[in-house]
């Protein structure tokens, strides 16, 4: 069951459209807290997955889009730009071992990112 609580929101009774700030628990136990538009995650918010992964930042049409921070379950972290749910634009990817890549990402992959810190020891 999906639970949704909206704070200071408006509800269009004719269409069941939810707008405003709120909190929604998804069927898998993940929790979104932030802005909604037309019932979708839109604007600033935090999505905490049931497995502990967490995204805080901008959403568009329910996807990561704009500036944000994604923390993976292993402690790795990406800070930067997203587009349509993928790492896209300028950002910094820091792995849990402190290895760090900085630069341009495209469609979820390194595009023009360089290694700026490595935990590699000879």
Protein backbone atom coordinates (compact mmCIF):
# COMPACT_ATOMS: atom_id res chain seq x y z
CA UNK A 1 0.00 0.00 0.00
CA UNK A 2 1.27 3.47 -0.88
CA UNK A 3 0.84 6.07 1.85
CA UNK A 4 0.91 9.71 0.88
CA UNK A 5 0.72 12.68 3.23
CA UNK A 6 0.75 16.17 1.75
CA UNK A 7 1.64 19.26 3.77
CA UNK A 8 0.34 22.69 2.77
CA UNK A 9 -0.80 21.20 -0.50
CA UNK A 10 -3.65 21.55 -2.89
CA UNK A 11 -5.70 18.69 -4.21
CA UNK A 12 -7.66 18.95 -7.41
CA UNK A 13 -10.66 16.80 -6.59
CA UNK A 14 -11.74 16.66 -10.23
CA UNK A 15 -8.51 14.94 -11.31
CA UNK A 16 -7.00 13.67 -8.05
CA UNK A 17 -3.88 15.73 -8.80
CA UNK A 18 -1.61 16.37 -5.83
CA UNK A 19 0.58 19.48 -5.60
CA UNK A 20 2.74 20.85 -2.81
CA UNK A 21 5.03 19.49 -0.11
CA UNK A 22 4.51 16.01 1.21
CA UNK A 23 5.78 12.59 2.13
CA UNK A 24 5.06 9.37 0.27
CA UNK A 25 5.92 5.81 1.28
CA UNK A 26 6.23 3.52 -1.75
CA UNK A 27 5.16 -0.15 -1.79
CA UNK A 28 8.80 -1.36 -1.47
CA UNK A 29 9.32 0.73 1.69
CA UNK A 30 11.19 3.57 -0.03
CA UNK A 31 10.20 7.05 1.19
CA UNK A 32 10.03 10.33 -0.74
CA UNK A 33 9.73 13.63 1.07
CA UNK A 34 9.55 16.87 -0.86
CA UNK A 35 7.64 18.67 -3.57
CA UNK A 36 4.92 17.12 -5.74
CA UNK A 37 3.34 18.36 -8.94
CA UNK A 38 0.46 16.53 -10.59
CA UNK A 39 1.11 13.65 -8.18
CA UNK A 40 4.75 13.17 -9.31
CA UNK A 41 8.04 14.00 -7.57
CA UNK A 42 8.79 17.50 -8.89
CA UNK A 43 11.12 20.15 -7.48
CA UNK A 44 13.32 19.58 -4.41
CA UNK A 45 13.08 16.39 -2.43
CA UNK A 46 14.75 13.40 -0.83
CA UNK A 47 14.16 9.82 -1.91
CA UNK A 48 15.42 7.22 0.56
CA UNK A 49 15.31 3.71 -0.83
CA UNK A 50 14.47 0.69 1.33
CA UNK A 51 18.06 -0.57 0.83
CA UNK A 52 19.49 2.68 2.31
CA UNK A 53 20.50 4.42 -0.93
CA UNK A 54 19.49 8.08 -0.87
CA UNK A 55 19.08 10.91 -3.36
CA UNK A 56 18.59 14.52 -2.31
CA UNK A 57 18.09 17.19 -4.93
CA UNK A 58 15.92 18.20 -7.84
CA UNK A 59 13.30 16.03 -9.51
CA UNK A 60 11.46 16.42 -12.80
CA UNK A 61 8.62 14.10 -13.84
CA UNK A 62 9.54 11.74 -11.00
CA UNK A 63 13.22 11.41 -12.03
CA UNK A 64 16.47 12.91 -10.73
CA UNK A 65 16.93 16.04 -12.83
CA UNK A 66 19.10 19.04 -11.97
CA UNK A 67 21.53 19.36 -9.05
CA UNK A 68 21.64 16.58 -6.51
CA UNK A 69 23.57 14.21 -4.28
CA UNK A 70 23.24 10.44 -4.63
CA UNK A 71 24.64 8.29 -1.83
CA UNK A 72 25.00 4.61 -2.68
CA UNK A 73 24.63 1.74 -0.19
CA UNK A 74 28.41 1.13 -0.14
CA UNK A 75 29.04 4.75 0.92
CA UNK A 76 30.06 6.00 -2.53
CA UNK A 77 28.66 9.43 -3.40
CA UNK A 78 27.95 11.43 -6.55
CA UNK A 79 27.45 15.19 -6.25
CA UNK A 80 26.49 17.06 -9.37
CA UNK A 81 24.06 17.26 -12.23
CA UNK A 82 21.47 14.72 -13.31
CA UNK A 83 19.20 14.46 -16.34
CA UNK A 84 16.30 12.03 -16.71
CA UNK A 85 17.51 9.98 -13.74
CA UNK A 86 21.14 9.65 -14.89
CA UNK A 87 24.46 11.29 -13.97
CA UNK A 88 24.66 13.95 -16.66
CA UNK A 89 26.75 17.12 -16.57
CA UNK A 90 29.40 18.35 -14.14
CA UNK A 91 29.93 16.26 -11.05
CA UNK A 92 32.20 14.53 -8.58
CA UNK A 93 32.00 10.78 -7.99
CA UNK A 94 33.69 9.64 -4.79
CA UNK A 95 33.96 5.93 -4.12
CA UNK A 96 33.89 4.50 -0.59
CA UNK A 97 37.69 3.94 -0.79
CA UNK A 98 38.14 7.73 -1.41
CA UNK A 99 38.94 7.31 -5.14
CA UNK A 100 37.47 10.40 -6.77
CA UNK A 101 36.56 11.37 -10.34
CA UNK A 102 35.65 14.93 -11.24
CA UNK A 103 34.38 16.37 -14.50
CA UNK A 104 31.75 15.70 -17.13
CA UNK A 105 29.36 12.75 -17.02
CA UNK A 106 26.94 11.75 -19.80
CA UNK A 107 24.05 9.29 -19.67
CA UNK A 108 25.33 7.79 -16.42
CA UNK A 109 28.94 7.30 -17.57
CA UNK A 110 32.26 9.13 -17.39
CA UNK A 111 32.48 11.41 -20.41
CA UNK A 112 35.33 13.75 -19.63
CA UNK A 113 35.99 12.98 -15.98
CA UNK A 114 39.48 12.78 -14.56
CA UNK A 115 40.85 10.92 -11.57
CA UNK A 116 41.66 13.55 -8.94
CA UNK A 117 42.28 11.28 -5.95
CA UNK A 118 43.14 7.62 -5.77
CA UNK A 119 43.51 5.17 -2.93
CA UNK A 120 45.77 3.05 -5.15
CA UNK A 121 49.05 2.18 -3.42
CA UNK A 122 52.01 0.55 -5.19
